[in-house]
Amino acid sequence: MAEAVLFYLLASVLIIFALLTVTAQNPVRSAVYLVSALLSMAALFFLMRAEFVGAVQILVYVGGIMVLFLFVILLVNV
């Protein structure tokens, strides 16, 4: 029962951050919302007992790709 409640909570947080990512006017805020969405997706992977996929999600996407996005956004000066 607790896992189902946690799953629905994380899924709703993921949907909210995904919508905020698309609708944000500021690109830096959009990138931060995307980081939050990716972290909640990694938490869903951990909840489904796919620890390796969750760890890869955090290391590759949150750690690498999003840092690259933020550097590009800040250097281009949008």
N, C-alpha and C. Protein backbone atom coordinates (compact mmCIF):
# COMPACT_ATOMS: atom_id res chain seq x y z
N MET A 1 0.82 -1.20 0.00
CA MET A 1 0.00 0.00 0.00
C MET A 1 0.86 1.27 0.00
N ALA A 2 1.92 1.25 0.80
CA ALA A 2 2.79 2.43 0.87
C ALA A 2 3.54 2.63 -0.45
N GLU A 3 3.91 1.54 -1.11
CA GLU A 3 4.60 1.67 -2.39
C GLU A 3 3.69 2.27 -3.45
N ALA A 4 2.41 1.92 -3.43
CA ALA A 4 1.47 2.47 -4.40
C ALA A 4 1.27 3.96 -4.17
N VAL A 5 1.17 4.37 -2.92
CA VAL A 5 1.03 5.80 -2.62
C VAL A 5 2.27 6.56 -3.04
N LEU A 6 3.44 6.00 -2.77
CA LEU A 6 4.70 6.65 -3.16
C LEU A 6 4.83 6.71 -4.68
N PHE A 7 4.39 5.64 -5.37
CA PHE A 7 4.43 5.64 -6.83
C PHE A 7 3.56 6.75 -7.40
N TYR A 8 2.34 6.86 -6.92
CA TYR A 8 1.44 7.89 -7.44
C TYR A 8 1.93 9.30 -7.09
N LEU A 9 2.53 9.44 -5.93
CA LEU A 9 3.09 10.73 -5.55
C LEU A 9 4.25 11.12 -6.46
N LEU A 10 5.17 10.19 -6.69
CA LEU A 10 6.30 10.47 -7.59
C LEU A 10 5.85 10.70 -9.03
N ALA A 11 4.85 9.95 -9.47
CA ALA A 11 4.35 10.12 -10.83
C ALA A 11 3.69 11.48 -10.99
N SER A 12 2.95 11.92 -9.99
CA SER A 12 2.33 13.25 -10.10
C SER A 12 3.37 14.36 -10.04
N VAL A 13 4.42 14.18 -9.23
CA VAL A 13 5.51 15.16 -9.19
C VAL A 13 6.22 15.21 -10.54
N LEU A 14 6.42 14.05 -11.15
CA LEU A 14 7.06 13.99 -12.46
C LEU A 14 6.22 14.72 -13.51
N ILE A 15 4.93 14.52 -13.50
CA ILE A 15 4.06 15.18 -14.47
C ILE A 15 4.06 16.69 -14.26
N ILE A 16 4.03 17.12 -13.00
CA ILE A 16 4.03 18.56 -12.72
C ILE A 16 5.32 19.21 -13.19
N PHE A 17 6.47 18.58 -12.88
CA PHE A 17 7.74 19.16 -13.32
C PHE A 17 7.89 19.11 -14.84
N ALA A 18 7.36 18.09 -15.48
CA ALA A 18 7.42 18.03 -16.94
C ALA A 18 6.60 19.15 -17.57
N LEU A 19 5.42 19.42 -17.00
CA LEU A 19 4.62 20.53 -17.51
C LEU A 19 5.28 21.87 -17.25
N LEU A 20 5.91 22.02 -16.08
CA LEU A 20 6.63 23.25 -15.79
C LEU A 20 7.82 23.44 -16.72
N THR A 21 8.46 22.34 -17.11
CA THR A 21 9.59 22.41 -18.03
C THR A 21 9.15 22.98 -19.37
N VAL A 22 8.02 22.55 -19.84
CA VAL A 22 7.54 22.99 -21.15
C VAL A 22 7.00 24.41 -21.11
N THR A 23 6.36 24.79 -20.01
CA THR A 23 5.69 26.09 -19.97
C THR A 23 6.53 27.22 -19.37
N ALA A 24 7.73 26.95 -18.89
CA ALA A 24 8.55 28.00 -18.27
C ALA A 24 9.04 28.98 -19.32
N GLN A 25 9.03 30.25 -18.96
CA GLN A 25 9.50 31.31 -19.87
C GLN A 25 11.02 31.45 -19.83
N ASN A 26 11.60 31.25 -18.66
CA ASN A 26 13.04 31.40 -18.48
C ASN A 26 13.72 30.06 -18.78
N PRO A 27 14.72 30.02 -19.67
CA PRO A 27 15.37 28.76 -20.01
C PRO A 27 16.12 28.12 -18.84
N VAL A 28 16.65 28.93 -17.93
CA VAL A 28 17.37 28.37 -16.79
C VAL A 28 16.39 27.66 -15.86
N ARG A 29 15.25 28.27 -15.63
CA ARG A 29 14.23 27.62 -14.80
C ARG A 29 13.72 26.35 -15.47
N SER A 30 13.58 26.39 -16.78
CA SER A 30 13.15 25.21 -17.51
C SER A 30 14.16 24.07 -17.34
N ALA A 31 15.44 24.39 -17.36
CA ALA A 31 16.46 23.36 -17.16
C ALA A 31 16.43 22.81 -15.73
N VAL A 32 16.18 23.68 -14.76
CA VAL A 32 16.09 23.23 -13.37
C VAL A 32 14.86 22.33 -13.18
N TYR A 33 13.75 22.70 -13.82
CA TYR A 33 12.56 21.84 -13.75
C TYR A 33 12.82 20.50 -14.43
N LEU A 34 13.59 20.51 -15.50
CA LEU A 34 13.93 19.25 -16.16
C LEU A 34 14.81 18.38 -15.28
N VAL A 35 15.73 18.99 -14.55
CA VAL A 35 16.55 18.23 -13.59
C VAL A 35 15.66 17.60 -12.54
N SER A 36 14.69 18.35 -12.05
CA SER A 36 13.78 17.81 -11.04
C SER A 36 12.94 16.67 -11.60
N ALA A 37 12.50 16.80 -12.84
CA ALA A 37 11.73 15.73 -13.47
C ALA A 37 12.59 14.48 -13.65
N LEU A 38 13.84 14.66 -14.05
CA LEU A 38 14.72 13.51 -14.22
C LEU A 38 15.03 12.84 -12.89
N LEU A 39 15.17 13.62 -11.83
CA LEU A 39 15.40 13.03 -10.51
C LEU A 39 14.18 12.26 -10.02
N SER A 40 13.00 12.77 -10.27
CA SER A 40 11.81 12.02 -9.86
C SER A 40 11.63 10.76 -10.70
N MET A 41 12.06 10.79 -11.95
CA MET A 41 12.02 9.58 -12.76
C MET A 41 13.02 8.55 -12.24
N ALA A 42 14.18 9.01 -11.81
CA ALA A 42 15.16 8.10 -11.20
C ALA A 42 14.61 7.50 -9.92
N ALA A 43 13.88 8.30 -9.14
CA ALA A 43 13.26 7.77 -7.93
C ALA A 43 12.22 6.70 -8.28
N LEU A 44 11.49 6.89 -9.38
CA LEU A 44 10.56 5.86 -9.82
C LEU A 44 11.29 4.58 -10.21
N PHE A 45 12.44 4.71 -10.86
CA PHE A 45 13.23 3.52 -11.19
C PHE A 45 13.69 2.80 -9.93
N PHE A 46 14.13 3.56 -8.93
CA PHE A 46 14.53 2.94 -7.67
C PHE A 46 13.36 2.26 -6.99
N LEU A 47 12.18 2.85 -7.10
CA LEU A 47 10.98 2.25 -6.51
C LEU A 47 10.61 0.95 -7.20
N MET A 48 10.89 0.86 -8.49
CA MET A 48 10.60 -0.36 -9.24
C MET A 48 11.73 -1.38 -9.14
N ARG A 49 12.69 -1.11 -8.25
CA ARG A 49 13.84 -1.98 -8.00
C ARG A 49 14.74 -2.16 -9.22
N ALA A 50 14.87 -1.09 -9.98
CA ALA A 50 15.81 -1.05 -11.10
C ALA A 50 16.89 -0.05 -10.72
N GLU A 51 17.72 -0.44 -9.76
CA GLU A 51 18.69 0.48 -9.19
C GLU A 51 19.73 0.93 -10.20
N PHE A 52 20.16 0.01 -11.07
CA PHE A 52 21.18 0.38 -12.06
C PHE A 52 20.66 1.44 -13.02
N VAL A 53 19.44 1.27 -13.49
CA VAL A 53 18.87 2.24 -14.42
C VAL A 53 18.67 3.59 -13.73
N GLY A 54 18.25 3.56 -12.47
CA GLY A 54 18.10 4.81 -11.72
C GLY A 54 19.43 5.51 -11.51
N ALA A 55 20.47 4.74 -11.21
CA ALA A 55 21.79 5.34 -11.02
C ALA A 55 22.34 5.90 -12.32
N VAL A 56 22.11 5.19 -13.42
CA VAL A 56 22.56 5.69 -14.73
C VAL A 56 21.78 6.95 -15.10
N GLN A 57 20.49 6.97 -14.77
CA GLN A 57 19.67 8.17 -15.02
C GLN A 57 20.26 9.38 -14.30
N ILE A 58 20.65 9.20 -13.06
CA ILE A 58 21.20 10.31 -12.29
C ILE A 58 22.58 10.70 -12.81
N LEU A 59 23.44 9.72 -13.03
CA LEU A 59 24.81 10.04 -13.44
C LEU A 59 24.89 10.63 -14.84
N VAL A 60 24.20 10.02 -15.78
CA VAL A 60 24.33 10.44 -17.18
C VAL A 60 23.49 11.67 -17.46
N TYR A 61 22.21 11.60 -17.17
CA TYR A 61 21.33 12.70 -17.58
C TYR A 61 21.43 13.89 -16.65
N VAL A 62 21.26 13.66 -15.35
CA VAL A 62 21.29 14.78 -14.42
C VAL A 62 22.72 15.31 -14.28
N GLY A 63 23.67 14.41 -14.18
CA GLY A 63 25.04 14.84 -13.96
C GLY A 63 25.73 15.39 -15.18
N GLY A 64 25.50 14.80 -16.33
CA GLY A 64 26.24 15.19 -17.52
C GLY A 64 25.48 16.07 -18.47
N ILE A 65 24.37 15.58 -18.94
CA ILE A 65 23.63 16.29 -19.97
C ILE A 65 23.08 17.61 -19.46
N MET A 66 22.53 17.62 -18.26
CA MET A 66 21.94 18.86 -17.75
C MET A 66 23.00 19.91 -17.41
N VAL A 67 24.16 19.48 -16.97
CA VAL A 67 25.24 20.45 -16.75
C VAL A 67 25.65 21.07 -18.08
N LEU A 68 25.70 20.26 -19.12
CA LEU A 68 26.00 20.78 -20.45
C LEU A 68 24.92 21.76 -20.91
N PHE A 69 23.65 21.43 -20.71
CA PHE A 69 22.57 22.35 -21.06
C PHE A 69 22.70 23.67 -20.32
N LEU A 70 22.97 23.61 -19.02
CA LEU A 70 23.07 24.84 -18.24
C LEU A 70 24.27 25.68 -18.68
N PHE A 71 25.39 25.04 -18.99
CA PHE A 71 26.54 25.80 -19.48
C PHE A 71 26.21 26.49 -20.81
N VAL A 72 25.55 25.79 -21.69
CA VAL A 72 25.19 26.38 -23.00
C VAL A 72 24.22 27.54 -22.80
N ILE A 73 23.23 27.36 -21.94
CA ILE A 73 22.25 28.42 -21.70
C ILE A 73 22.93 29.65 -21.11
N LEU A 74 23.84 29.44 -20.15
CA LEU A 74 24.48 30.57 -19.51
C LEU A 74 25.53 31.22 -20.40
N LEU A 75 26.21 30.45 -21.25
CA LEU A 75 27.22 31.03 -22.12
C LEU A 75 26.61 31.77 -23.31
N VAL A 76 25.50 31.27 -23.82
CA VAL A 76 24.88 31.92 -24.96
C VAL A 76 24.19 33.20 -24.53
N ASN A 77 23.82 33.27 -23.24
CA ASN A 77 23.20 34.46 -22.67
C ASN A 77 21.83 34.73 -23.29
N VAL A 78 20.98 33.73 -23.24
CA VAL A 78 19.64 33.81 -23.83
C VAL A 78 18.82 34.84 -23.09
